[in-house]
Amino acid sequence: MQRSLALAERLRFVQLGFGPGRRRRNAGVEGALAAFRELAATFAGGELSQAKFKVISVEERGASIVARAYLHARGAPQRGTVQLQSTWSMEWTPVPAEPADALPRLVKLELEHHEELARPGSGATLFAEATDAVFGADKAFREQLRPDLEHWAARIDHSLGLSLIGHEGFALGDVDGDGLDDLYLAQPGGLPNRLFLHQADGTVRDIAQAAGVDFLDPCRSALFADFDGDGDQDLAVELDPYVLLLANDGRGHFTPRARASAPSTTSLTAADFDGDGDLDLYCCGYILPDSANVTPLPYHDANNGRPNTLLRNDGVGADGGWTFVDATREVGLDENNRRFSFAASWEDFDNDGDLDLYVANDFGRNNLYRNDGGKFRDVAAEAGVEDLAAGMGVSWGDYDLDGDFDLYVSNMFSSAGERVAYQRKFLSGADPAVRSGFQRHARGNSLFRNLGDGTFEDVSEACGVTMGRWAWGSIFADLDEDGWPDLVVPNGFVTGSDPADL
C-alpha cells in the first residue's frame, strides 16, 4: 500500500523562509533534523538494508547552484518491509572566494517527489531467489554458467567471438508439449548454447546436445515460434551473420530448415505482418560502436548502423525446406533503418486490423512503422514517439485500461549525462535543439499514452516511470493481481571504478 502524501508534506522544509504567499515548512536546522528523524522513523525497530543517494543534476540558476538528487532506501521495520524513492532539489550558495577553506551553504531543500511502499507481514520479499533451487543440480549450469565471463575469457581464444558485453538473450517456450515453458539460452562464441527442459518438480536439465541446438557460434538472440504451422514451437537462432531456422518434431528435437542472411542481429520478433497465415521474422541489427570502424554519427541521432531485416515467410517447399525472403525494401521497412536497433515489438496501435511495428534504437530516433495493407511508413515523428534517447527495449500494454495499446520504451538513465548536459558550457555554441537532444538522451524511460487518433502523449514524468536506471527490456504484467498492468524493467551493466568519472 502507498502511504499518505502527508508524510511527504511533513518532510518538506527550508533553512530560510519561503517567498511571499508560500507556506513555511520546517525552517532552520532544527526543522531539517526533525524531518530527517521522521524519515528515519520509517524503519524504526528494524534495519535499513539498503540506501543510495545519487546526484542526478547540477546547474546554475542565477546566483545559486541547484542540485537534484535521488534517494532509494529499503529495509525492514518491526513488521513487514518498506521501500521508498524520493527526488530532492537542493539550492546552494556558490563557494565564497574567502576564506580558502570556505564551503558552500545549503539554502533550501525541497521534496519534488516521494513514494513510500509498505508491505506488512513477516518481512519476506514478494519474490525469492530460486536460481540454485531450479538450476543448481544441472551440470551445465554449474560448470558453464556459474563461472563469470572473465573466467572464460582467460580460457577461450578471442577469435571464437567471446564477448564480455553481455548482449546475449534467451527464448522461452514449451518445446516438448508438456505444458511447461523451457528455456533456450544464447551464449558468446566458444561456449555452447543451452536448452533447459522444465521438469515437473520445478528443476531443469540441459538437453541442448540431444536436441541439436548446442551451437558454439557467437549467438546474441533466439526465438521460439511456430513457423511451419504444425502446432509446436520451432526455433530461430542468430549465428552471425545468419539466422538459422529449425523445425521442432514436437518432442524437443530440432532440424535446420532454412538459413537467411541478417548480419549483426541482436533481437528477433515474429508476427504475421501480411495476413497470409504464417509468421514472418523481424531481425534488429546492432553493431557495437567502434567495431569495424563504425561510430554512431551523430552520437544522439545516428543513422549509420547495420540495417534491420524483415524475413517474409513464403512457406514450406516441396523438399520440406522453408523459404524466408528478405522483404525489407519491398515493404518499406528500409526507411530510417540504420539506427543501431536493440529491440522491436509488433502491435495494432491504430486498431485497423493489421500489425504495426515499433523499433527501439540505441543511437538514433526510434521508429514506429505503421502497417497499411502490408506496406510500412515510419510515422514516429507525427505520432509523437520518436523518443530521442538510448533505446534498449519496448513493450505494449493498456496501462490506463481505455481499450487501446500504450507504449513503454526502456532507455538509459544517466545521472552523469544529466549533470553534464545541463551545464551552460556544454555545447554552448550549438543549436538549442541539439542541446535538448543530449539532455533528453539521459532522462531515462518513456511511457506514451495512446490517444486513439494515431498520436501519443508523453506521460513519463507524470506517471513517475523515467527512473529505470540503465534499463534493457521491459514488460507489462499484473504482478499484484489487482487488474492493472504493472511494469517490470530489468536493468544494469558491467561496472567498475573510474576515478575520472563525473
Protein backbone atom coordinates (compact mmCIF):
# COMPACT_ATOMS: atom_id res chain seq x y z
CA MET A 1 0.00 0.00 0.00
CA GLN A 2 1.13 3.57 -0.59
CA ARG A 3 1.26 5.85 2.43
CA SER A 4 -0.41 9.21 2.57
CA LEU A 5 1.29 12.16 0.91
CA ALA A 6 1.01 13.88 4.28
CA LEU A 7 4.37 12.32 5.12
CA ALA A 8 5.88 13.89 2.02
CA GLU A 9 4.47 17.25 3.04
CA ARG A 10 5.93 16.93 6.54
CA LEU A 11 9.35 16.21 5.03
CA ARG A 12 9.31 19.49 3.13
CA PHE A 13 11.47 22.06 4.85
CA VAL A 14 13.72 25.06 4.23
CA GLN A 15 16.58 26.67 6.08
CA LEU A 16 15.46 30.12 5.00
CA GLY A 17 11.89 31.30 4.62
CA PHE A 18 9.76 30.90 1.53
CA GLY A 19 8.78 33.93 -0.53
CA PRO A 20 5.52 35.86 -0.05
CA GLY A 21 2.34 33.84 -0.18
CA ARG A 22 4.03 30.46 0.15
CA ARG A 23 3.71 28.07 3.06
CA ARG A 24 6.53 27.69 5.52
CA ARG A 25 7.67 24.18 6.36
CA ASN A 26 10.25 23.07 8.93
CA ALA A 27 12.51 26.13 8.89
CA GLY A 28 16.08 26.07 10.15
CA VAL A 29 18.49 23.38 11.19
CA GLU A 30 16.18 22.01 13.86
CA GLY A 31 13.38 21.73 11.33
CA ALA A 32 15.67 19.86 8.98
CA LEU A 33 16.74 17.46 11.72
CA ALA A 34 13.13 16.88 12.70
CA ALA A 35 12.25 15.97 9.12
CA PHE A 36 15.18 13.57 8.82
CA ARG A 37 14.29 11.94 12.14
CA GLU A 38 10.76 11.36 10.86
CA LEU A 39 12.15 9.84 7.68
CA ALA A 40 14.42 7.52 9.71
CA ALA A 41 11.47 6.52 11.90
CA THR A 42 10.01 4.71 8.89
CA PHE A 43 12.46 1.90 9.69
CA ALA A 44 12.20 2.12 13.47
CA GLY A 45 12.69 -1.11 15.34
CA GLY A 46 14.22 -2.88 12.37
CA GLU A 47 17.04 -2.39 9.92
CA LEU A 48 17.83 -0.28 6.88
CA SER A 49 19.21 -2.88 4.46
CA GLN A 50 19.96 -0.56 1.54
CA ALA A 51 20.22 3.19 0.99
CA LYS A 52 21.62 5.04 -2.01
CA PHE A 53 21.80 8.78 -2.60
CA LYS A 54 22.62 9.77 -6.20
CA VAL A 55 23.10 13.32 -7.50
CA ILE A 56 21.32 13.44 -10.85
CA SER A 57 21.78 17.05 -11.97
CA VAL A 58 23.71 20.20 -11.09
CA GLU A 59 23.07 23.58 -12.72
CA GLU A 60 23.50 27.29 -12.12
CA ARG A 61 20.35 29.32 -11.52
CA GLY A 62 21.17 32.98 -11.09
CA ALA A 63 23.47 33.35 -8.11
CA SER A 64 22.69 29.86 -6.79
CA ILE A 65 23.68 26.28 -7.57
CA VAL A 66 20.75 23.88 -7.71
CA ALA A 67 21.35 20.15 -7.44
CA ARG A 68 18.79 17.38 -7.73
CA ALA A 69 19.29 14.01 -6.07
CA TYR A 70 17.55 10.66 -5.97
CA LEU A 71 17.20 8.67 -2.75
CA HIS A 72 16.40 4.98 -2.72
CA ALA A 73 16.07 3.13 0.58
CA ARG A 74 14.79 -0.28 1.60
CA GLY A 75 14.55 -2.01 4.91
CA ALA A 76 12.51 -3.96 7.42
CA PRO A 77 10.86 -2.25 10.38
CA GLN A 78 9.43 -4.35 13.21
CA ARG A 79 6.81 -5.90 10.91
CA GLY A 80 6.95 -6.12 7.12
CA THR A 81 9.12 -4.35 4.58
CA VAL A 82 9.33 -0.73 3.41
CA GLN A 83 10.80 0.77 0.27
CA LEU A 84 10.94 4.45 -0.57
CA GLN A 85 12.03 6.56 -3.55
CA SER A 86 12.42 10.32 -3.30
CA THR A 87 13.71 13.10 -5.51
CA TRP A 88 15.13 16.16 -3.74
CA SER A 89 16.01 19.62 -5.01
CA MET A 90 18.81 21.40 -3.13
CA GLU A 91 19.77 25.05 -3.52
CA TRP A 92 23.31 26.03 -2.51
CA THR A 93 25.24 29.26 -2.32
CA PRO A 94 28.37 29.35 -4.51
CA VAL A 95 31.69 28.67 -2.74
CA PRO A 96 32.95 32.01 -1.37
CA ALA A 97 36.38 33.17 -2.52
CA GLU A 98 37.46 33.72 1.09
CA PRO A 99 38.48 32.07 3.30
CA ALA A 100 40.36 29.37 1.40
CA ASP A 101 38.57 26.55 3.21
CA ALA A 102 35.09 28.03 2.76
CA LEU A 103 32.27 25.66 1.90
CA PRO A 104 29.00 26.20 0.04
CA ARG A 105 25.91 26.65 2.22
CA LEU A 106 22.62 24.79 1.79
CA VAL A 107 19.91 27.42 1.42
CA LYS A 108 16.84 25.33 0.65
CA LEU A 109 15.89 21.68 0.36
CA GLU A 110 12.60 20.76 -1.28
CA LEU A 111 10.98 17.40 -1.88
CA GLU A 112 9.94 17.06 -5.52
CA HIS A 113 8.58 13.52 -5.31
CA HIS A 114 8.18 10.95 -2.55
CA GLU A 115 6.82 7.44 -2.88
CA GLU A 116 6.76 5.04 0.03
CA LEU A 117 5.60 1.44 -0.28
CA ALA A 118 4.90 -0.65 2.79
CA ARG A 119 4.22 -4.39 2.81
CA PRO A 120 3.01 -5.60 6.21
CA GLY A 121 3.80 -9.08 7.44
CA SER A 122 6.87 -11.14 8.19
CA GLY A 123 9.41 -9.13 6.22
CA ALA A 124 9.61 -11.64 3.36
CA THR A 125 10.01 -10.13 -0.09
CA LEU A 126 7.44 -10.52 -2.87
CA PHE A 127 9.95 -12.53 -4.92
CA ALA A 128 12.50 -15.04 -3.65
CA GLU A 129 15.83 -16.04 -5.22
CA ALA A 130 15.34 -19.50 -6.76
CA THR A 131 18.32 -19.89 -9.10
CA ASP A 132 20.04 -22.68 -7.19
CA ALA A 133 16.78 -24.48 -6.48
CA VAL A 134 15.93 -24.54 -10.20
CA PHE A 135 19.36 -24.81 -11.89
CA GLY A 136 21.75 -25.94 -9.17
CA ALA A 137 21.57 -29.68 -9.86
CA ASP A 138 22.32 -29.31 -13.57
CA LYS A 139 25.92 -29.95 -14.61
CA ALA A 140 25.87 -27.46 -17.50
CA PHE A 141 24.78 -24.68 -15.14
CA ARG A 142 27.39 -25.49 -12.52
CA GLU A 143 30.29 -25.88 -14.93
CA GLN A 144 29.49 -23.29 -17.62
CA LEU A 145 27.13 -20.64 -16.31
CA ARG A 146 28.18 -20.23 -12.70
CA PRO A 147 31.73 -19.04 -13.61
CA ASP A 148 31.69 -15.45 -14.88
CA LEU A 149 32.67 -14.38 -18.39
CA GLU A 150 36.10 -13.19 -17.28
CA HIS A 151 36.79 -16.77 -16.21
CA TRP A 152 36.06 -17.97 -19.74
CA ALA A 153 37.85 -15.05 -21.43
CA ALA A 154 41.09 -16.32 -19.91
CA ARG A 155 40.49 -19.81 -21.33
CA ILE A 156 38.89 -19.30 -24.77
CA ASP A 157 40.57 -17.92 -27.88
CA HIS A 158 39.31 -14.41 -28.63
CA SER A 159 38.88 -15.28 -32.31
CA LEU A 160 35.95 -17.56 -31.41
CA GLY A 161 33.85 -14.50 -30.63
CA LEU A 162 33.68 -14.43 -26.84
CA SER A 163 32.14 -11.11 -25.76
CA LEU A 164 32.18 -9.57 -22.29
CA ILE A 165 29.36 -7.10 -23.03
CA GLY A 166 26.55 -9.47 -22.07
CA HIS A 167 24.22 -8.85 -25.04
CA GLU A 168 23.19 -12.50 -25.28
CA GLY A 169 19.47 -13.19 -24.91
CA PHE A 170 17.18 -16.16 -24.32
CA ALA A 171 13.90 -17.67 -25.51
CA LEU A 172 11.02 -19.22 -23.56
CA GLY A 173 8.67 -21.83 -24.98
CA ASP A 174 7.22 -25.31 -24.46
CA VAL A 175 9.44 -27.41 -26.74
CA ASP A 176 8.19 -30.88 -25.74
CA GLY A 177 4.45 -30.22 -25.40
CA ASP A 178 4.17 -30.95 -21.66
CA GLY A 179 2.63 -27.57 -20.82
CA LEU A 180 5.76 -26.23 -19.10
CA ASP A 181 7.92 -23.44 -20.54
CA ASP A 182 11.50 -24.40 -21.36
CA LEU A 183 14.49 -22.06 -21.64
CA TYR A 184 16.92 -21.67 -24.54
CA LEU A 185 20.00 -19.64 -23.60
CA ALA A 186 22.22 -17.92 -26.17
CA GLN A 187 25.95 -17.82 -25.37
CA PRO A 188 29.08 -15.96 -26.53
CA GLY A 189 31.31 -17.62 -29.13
CA GLY A 190 33.18 -20.68 -27.86
CA LEU A 191 30.54 -21.59 -25.26
CA PRO A 192 27.66 -23.90 -26.28
CA ASN A 193 24.09 -22.63 -26.25
CA ARG A 194 21.92 -24.39 -23.69
CA LEU A 195 18.35 -25.72 -23.78
CA PHE A 196 16.99 -26.25 -20.26
CA LEU A 197 13.99 -28.57 -20.17
CA HIS A 198 11.48 -27.72 -17.42
CA GLN A 199 10.86 -30.73 -15.17
CA ALA A 200 7.65 -31.47 -13.29
CA ASP A 201 9.37 -30.82 -9.93
CA GLY A 202 10.37 -27.27 -10.96
CA THR A 203 14.02 -28.05 -11.74
CA VAL A 204 15.62 -28.06 -15.20
CA ARG A 205 18.04 -30.24 -17.14
CA ASP A 206 20.09 -29.31 -20.18
CA ILE A 207 19.20 -31.21 -23.38
CA ALA A 208 20.90 -28.89 -25.92
CA GLN A 209 23.19 -31.55 -27.38
CA ALA A 210 20.44 -34.17 -27.76
CA ALA A 211 18.10 -31.52 -29.20
CA GLY A 212 20.69 -30.48 -31.82
CA VAL A 213 20.94 -26.84 -30.70
CA ASP A 214 24.22 -26.65 -28.73
CA PHE A 215 25.83 -24.22 -31.20
CA LEU A 216 29.29 -22.82 -30.43
CA ASP A 217 28.99 -19.82 -32.76
CA PRO A 218 28.64 -16.30 -31.31
CA CYS A 219 24.92 -16.00 -30.57
CA ARG A 220 23.01 -12.98 -29.30
CA SER A 221 19.36 -13.83 -29.80
CA ALA A 222 16.85 -16.66 -30.19
CA LEU A 223 13.08 -17.02 -30.51
CA PHE A 224 10.57 -19.87 -30.19
CA ALA A 225 7.64 -19.62 -32.63
CA ASP A 226 5.56 -21.96 -34.81
CA PHE A 227 6.96 -21.08 -38.24
CA ASP A 228 5.54 -24.10 -40.12
CA GLY A 229 2.07 -24.07 -38.55
CA ASP A 230 2.17 -27.62 -37.17
CA GLY A 231 1.35 -26.64 -33.59
CA ASP A 232 4.75 -26.88 -31.90
CA GLN A 233 7.46 -24.36 -31.07
CA ASP A 234 10.19 -24.08 -33.71
CA LEU A 235 13.40 -22.14 -33.16
CA ALA A 236 15.05 -19.13 -34.80
CA VAL A 237 18.59 -18.51 -33.60
CA GLU A 238 21.15 -15.87 -34.60
CA LEU A 239 24.51 -17.29 -35.66
CA ASP A 240 26.12 -14.18 -37.12
CA PRO A 241 25.91 -13.31 -40.00
CA TYR A 242 22.95 -15.68 -40.43
CA VAL A 243 19.67 -16.51 -38.75
CA LEU A 244 19.12 -20.27 -38.66
CA LEU A 245 15.54 -21.59 -38.55
CA LEU A 246 14.94 -25.07 -37.15
CA ALA A 247 11.81 -27.26 -37.14
CA ASN A 248 10.67 -28.93 -33.90
CA ASP A 249 9.48 -32.53 -34.15
CA GLY A 250 7.11 -31.89 -31.23
CA ARG A 251 9.33 -33.68 -28.73
CA GLY A 252 12.11 -31.10 -28.45
CA HIS A 253 14.43 -32.22 -31.24
CA PHE A 254 15.26 -29.63 -33.90
CA THR A 255 16.26 -29.90 -37.57
CA PRO A 256 17.54 -26.98 -39.70
CA ARG A 257 15.04 -25.93 -42.38
CA ALA A 258 16.28 -22.51 -43.56
CA ARG A 259 19.18 -20.08 -43.29
CA ALA A 260 18.82 -16.38 -44.01
CA SER A 261 21.32 -13.53 -44.09
CA ALA A 262 20.75 -10.98 -41.31
CA PRO A 263 24.14 -9.62 -40.13
CA SER A 264 24.64 -8.43 -36.54
CA THR A 265 21.15 -9.44 -35.35
CA THR A 266 20.70 -8.62 -31.68
CA SER A 267 17.00 -9.48 -31.21
CA LEU A 268 14.19 -11.28 -33.04
CA THR A 269 10.43 -10.81 -33.12
CA ALA A 270 7.80 -12.70 -35.15
CA ALA A 271 4.38 -11.70 -36.48
CA ASP A 272 2.13 -12.27 -39.49
CA PHE A 273 2.59 -8.78 -40.94
CA ASP A 274 0.96 -9.56 -44.32
CA GLY A 275 -2.00 -11.58 -43.03
CA ASP A 276 -1.22 -14.70 -45.08
CA GLY A 277 -1.45 -17.07 -42.11
CA ASP A 278 2.20 -17.71 -41.32
CA LEU A 279 4.74 -16.00 -39.08
CA ASP A 280 7.35 -13.65 -40.52
CA LEU A 281 10.54 -12.65 -38.71
CA TYR A 282 11.97 -9.20 -37.97
CA CYS A 283 15.68 -9.02 -37.09
CA CYS A 284 17.13 -6.00 -35.29
CA GLY A 285 20.67 -5.17 -36.43
CA TYR A 286 23.20 -3.81 -33.94
CA ILE A 287 26.94 -3.44 -34.22
CA LEU A 288 28.98 -2.35 -31.23
CA PRO A 289 30.26 1.23 -31.61
CA ASP A 290 33.86 1.35 -32.84
CA SER A 291 33.61 -2.26 -34.10
CA ALA A 292 34.71 -2.47 -37.74
CA ASN A 293 35.38 1.29 -37.57
CA VAL A 294 31.69 2.09 -37.17
CA THR A 295 30.93 5.03 -34.88
CA PRO A 296 27.40 6.44 -34.37
CA LEU A 297 27.23 9.81 -36.14
CA PRO A 298 25.93 11.98 -34.68
CA TYR A 299 26.05 10.23 -31.32
CA HIS A 300 22.49 11.10 -30.24
CA ASP A 301 20.84 10.97 -33.68
CA ALA A 302 22.73 8.37 -35.73
CA ASN A 303 21.61 6.65 -38.91
CA ASN A 304 24.77 4.80 -39.95
CA GLY A 305 24.46 1.42 -38.19
CA ARG A 306 23.73 -2.05 -39.56
CA PRO A 307 20.30 -2.35 -41.22
CA ASN A 308 17.43 -4.35 -39.75
CA THR A 309 15.94 -7.18 -41.82
CA LEU A 310 12.37 -8.36 -42.40
CA LEU A 311 12.31 -12.04 -43.42
CA ARG A 312 8.98 -12.89 -45.06
CA ASN A 313 7.82 -16.47 -44.59
CA ASP A 314 6.87 -17.85 -48.02
CA GLY A 315 6.00 -21.31 -46.75
CA VAL A 316 7.32 -24.86 -46.98
CA GLY A 317 8.86 -26.09 -50.24
CA ALA A 318 8.45 -29.48 -51.89
CA ASP A 319 11.69 -30.67 -50.29
CA GLY A 320 10.47 -29.74 -46.80
CA GLY A 321 12.68 -26.69 -46.61
CA TRP A 322 11.33 -23.33 -45.52
CA THR A 323 11.52 -20.22 -47.66
CA PHE A 324 12.30 -16.93 -45.95
CA VAL A 325 12.82 -13.90 -48.22
CA ASP A 326 14.36 -10.54 -47.35
CA ALA A 327 11.40 -8.21 -47.95
CA THR A 328 12.75 -5.19 -46.05
CA ARG A 329 12.94 -2.80 -49.00
CA GLU A 330 9.88 -4.21 -50.76
CA VAL A 331 7.53 -3.38 -47.87
CA GLY A 332 9.09 -0.01 -46.93
CA LEU A 333 10.98 -1.02 -43.80
CA ASP A 334 14.25 0.30 -45.21
CA GLU A 335 13.17 3.83 -44.18
CA ASN A 336 15.31 5.17 -41.29
CA ASN A 337 16.74 1.68 -40.93
CA ARG A 338 20.32 2.12 -39.72
CA ARG A 339 19.94 3.38 -36.17
CA PHE A 340 21.68 0.71 -34.01
CA SER A 341 18.48 -1.15 -33.11
CA PHE A 342 18.18 -3.20 -29.93
CA ALA A 343 14.55 -4.35 -29.81
CA ALA A 344 11.26 -4.31 -31.70
CA SER A 345 7.66 -5.20 -30.91
CA TRP A 346 4.51 -5.69 -33.02
CA GLU A 347 1.06 -4.36 -32.10
CA ASP A 348 -2.01 -2.92 -33.84
CA PHE A 349 -1.73 0.52 -32.23
CA ASP A 350 -4.26 2.16 -34.59
CA ASN A 351 -6.86 -0.63 -34.39
CA ASP A 352 -7.12 -1.06 -38.17
CA GLY A 353 -6.69 -4.84 -38.11
CA ASP A 354 -3.04 -5.20 -39.11
CA LEU A 355 0.15 -5.27 -37.04
CA ASP A 356 2.37 -2.21 -36.75
CA LEU A 357 6.00 -2.23 -35.59
CA TYR A 358 7.91 -0.16 -33.04
CA VAL A 359 11.73 -0.26 -33.04
CA ALA A 360 13.88 0.94 -30.13
CA ASN A 361 17.24 2.35 -31.28
CA ASP A 362 20.33 2.94 -29.18
CA PHE A 363 21.89 5.86 -31.06
CA GLY A 364 19.07 7.16 -33.23
CA ARG A 365 15.46 8.21 -33.08
CA ASN A 366 13.04 5.32 -32.61
CA ASN A 367 10.74 4.11 -35.39
CA LEU A 368 7.00 3.49 -35.43
CA TYR A 369 6.24 1.76 -38.70
CA ARG A 370 2.53 1.93 -39.47
CA ASN A 371 1.28 -1.03 -41.50
CA ASP A 372 -1.09 -0.07 -44.29
CA GLY A 373 -2.07 -3.26 -46.09
CA GLY A 374 1.37 -4.85 -45.85
CA LYS A 375 3.32 -1.66 -46.67
CA PHE A 376 5.04 0.36 -43.95
CA ARG A 377 5.81 4.02 -43.29
CA ASP A 378 7.74 5.46 -40.35
CA VAL A 379 5.22 7.71 -38.54
CA ALA A 380 7.15 8.05 -35.24
CA ALA A 381 7.59 11.82 -35.57
CA GLU A 382 3.96 12.62 -36.36
CA ALA A 383 2.75 10.16 -33.71
CA GLY A 384 5.00 11.76 -31.06
CA VAL A 385 7.03 8.65 -30.17
CA GLU A 386 10.47 9.18 -31.72
CA ASP A 387 11.85 9.22 -28.15
CA LEU A 388 15.32 10.59 -28.83
CA ALA A 389 17.16 8.50 -26.24
CA ALA A 390 19.26 5.36 -25.82
CA GLY A 391 16.51 2.89 -26.75
CA MET A 392 17.02 -0.61 -25.33
CA GLY A 393 13.59 -2.24 -25.09
CA VAL A 394 9.91 -1.77 -25.92
CA SER A 395 6.63 -3.13 -24.58
CA TRP A 396 2.97 -2.53 -25.48
CA GLY A 397 0.22 -2.58 -22.86
CA ASP A 398 -3.06 -0.86 -21.95
CA TYR A 399 -1.83 0.75 -18.72
CA ASP A 400 -4.89 3.04 -18.34
CA LEU A 401 -7.46 0.37 -19.38
CA ASP A 402 -9.06 2.59 -22.02
CA GLY A 403 -9.07 -0.12 -24.68
CA ASP A 404 -6.05 0.78 -26.80
CA PHE A 405 -2.37 -0.06 -26.55
CA ASP A 406 0.07 2.30 -24.88
CA LEU A 407 3.83 2.20 -25.32
CA TYR A 408 6.70 1.88 -22.82
CA VAL A 409 10.27 2.33 -24.02
CA SER A 410 13.31 1.33 -21.96
CA ASN A 411 16.23 3.74 -22.22
CA MET A 412 19.43 4.60 -20.40
CA PHE A 413 19.01 6.83 -17.35
CA SER A 414 22.34 8.60 -16.82
CA SER A 415 22.93 10.83 -13.82
CA ALA A 416 26.35 11.78 -15.24
CA GLY A 417 24.69 12.64 -18.56
CA GLU A 418 22.16 14.90 -16.85
CA ARG A 419 24.83 16.65 -14.80
CA VAL A 420 26.93 17.36 -17.88
CA ALA A 421 24.23 18.14 -20.45
CA TYR A 422 22.64 20.91 -18.35
CA GLN A 423 25.88 22.84 -17.80
CA ARG A 424 25.96 26.25 -19.50
CA LYS A 425 29.30 25.48 -21.15
CA PHE A 426 28.12 22.19 -22.62
CA LEU A 427 27.76 22.66 -26.41
CA SER A 428 27.36 26.36 -25.70
CA GLY A 429 27.56 27.26 -29.40
CA ALA A 430 25.23 24.52 -30.62
CA ASP A 431 21.65 24.83 -31.77
CA PRO A 432 19.26 24.61 -28.75
CA ALA A 433 17.58 21.59 -30.36
CA VAL A 434 20.89 19.71 -30.30
CA ARG A 435 21.45 20.54 -26.62
CA SER A 436 17.89 19.46 -25.87
CA GLY A 437 18.51 16.18 -27.68
CA PHE A 438 21.52 15.36 -25.49
CA GLN A 439 19.57 16.27 -22.36
CA ARG A 440 16.66 14.04 -23.40
CA HIS A 441 19.13 11.25 -24.15
CA ALA A 442 19.95 10.96 -20.43
CA ARG A 443 16.41 11.31 -18.98
CA GLY A 444 15.50 7.64 -18.80
CA ASN A 445 12.48 5.56 -19.77
CA SER A 446 9.36 6.78 -21.56
CA LEU A 447 5.65 5.99 -21.27
CA PHE A 448 3.45 7.13 -24.14
CA ARG A 449 -0.34 7.14 -23.75
CA ASN A 450 -2.24 6.20 -26.89
CA LEU A 451 -4.75 8.97 -27.62
CA GLY A 452 -6.71 6.81 -30.05
CA ASP A 453 -6.26 9.17 -33.02
CA GLY A 454 -2.88 7.88 -34.24
CA THR A 455 -0.88 10.02 -31.81
CA PHE A 456 0.54 9.57 -28.31
CA GLU A 457 1.09 11.76 -25.25
CA ASP A 458 4.35 11.55 -23.29
CA VAL A 459 3.21 10.88 -19.70
CA SER A 460 6.58 9.56 -18.46
CA GLU A 461 7.27 12.15 -15.79
CA ALA A 462 3.65 12.49 -14.70
CA CYS A 463 3.48 8.72 -14.13
CA GLY A 464 6.90 8.53 -12.43
CA VAL A 465 8.41 5.90 -14.74
CA THR A 466 11.55 7.57 -16.12
CA MET A 467 13.96 6.28 -13.45
CA GLY A 468 14.70 2.74 -14.65
CA ARG A 469 18.48 3.06 -14.27
CA TRP A 470 20.39 1.53 -17.21
CA ALA A 471 17.30 -0.24 -18.48
CA TRP A 472 17.13 -3.01 -21.07
CA GLY A 473 13.85 -4.74 -21.80
CA SER A 474 10.51 -4.15 -20.12
CA ILE A 475 7.16 -5.87 -19.86
CA PHE A 476 3.67 -5.04 -18.64
CA ALA A 477 2.45 -7.65 -16.13
CA ASP A 478 -0.17 -7.59 -13.35
CA LEU A 479 2.11 -8.66 -10.51
CA ASP A 480 -0.31 -7.97 -7.65
CA GLU A 481 -3.44 -9.27 -9.43
CA ASP A 482 -5.40 -6.05 -8.98
CA GLY A 483 -6.42 -5.82 -12.65
CA TRP A 484 -3.93 -3.06 -13.53
CA PRO A 485 -0.80 -3.82 -15.62
CA ASP A 486 2.41 -3.16 -13.69
CA LEU A 487 5.84 -2.62 -15.25
CA VAL A 488 8.91 -4.83 -14.83
CA VAL A 489 12.17 -3.22 -16.00
CA PRO A 490 15.44 -5.21 -15.91
CA ASN A 491 18.50 -3.00 -15.62
CA GLY A 492 22.24 -2.95 -15.00
CA PHE A 493 25.52 -3.19 -16.86
CA VAL A 494 29.15 -4.16 -16.49
CA THR A 495 30.53 -1.74 -13.91
CA GLY A 496 33.85 -0.75 -12.43
CA SER A 497 35.64 2.11 -10.66
CA ASP A 498 36.75 5.09 -12.75
CA PRO A 499 38.33 7.91 -10.73
CA ALA A 500 37.87 10.29 -13.67
CA ASP A 501 34.12 9.64 -13.98
CA LEU A 502 31.91 12.69 -13.48
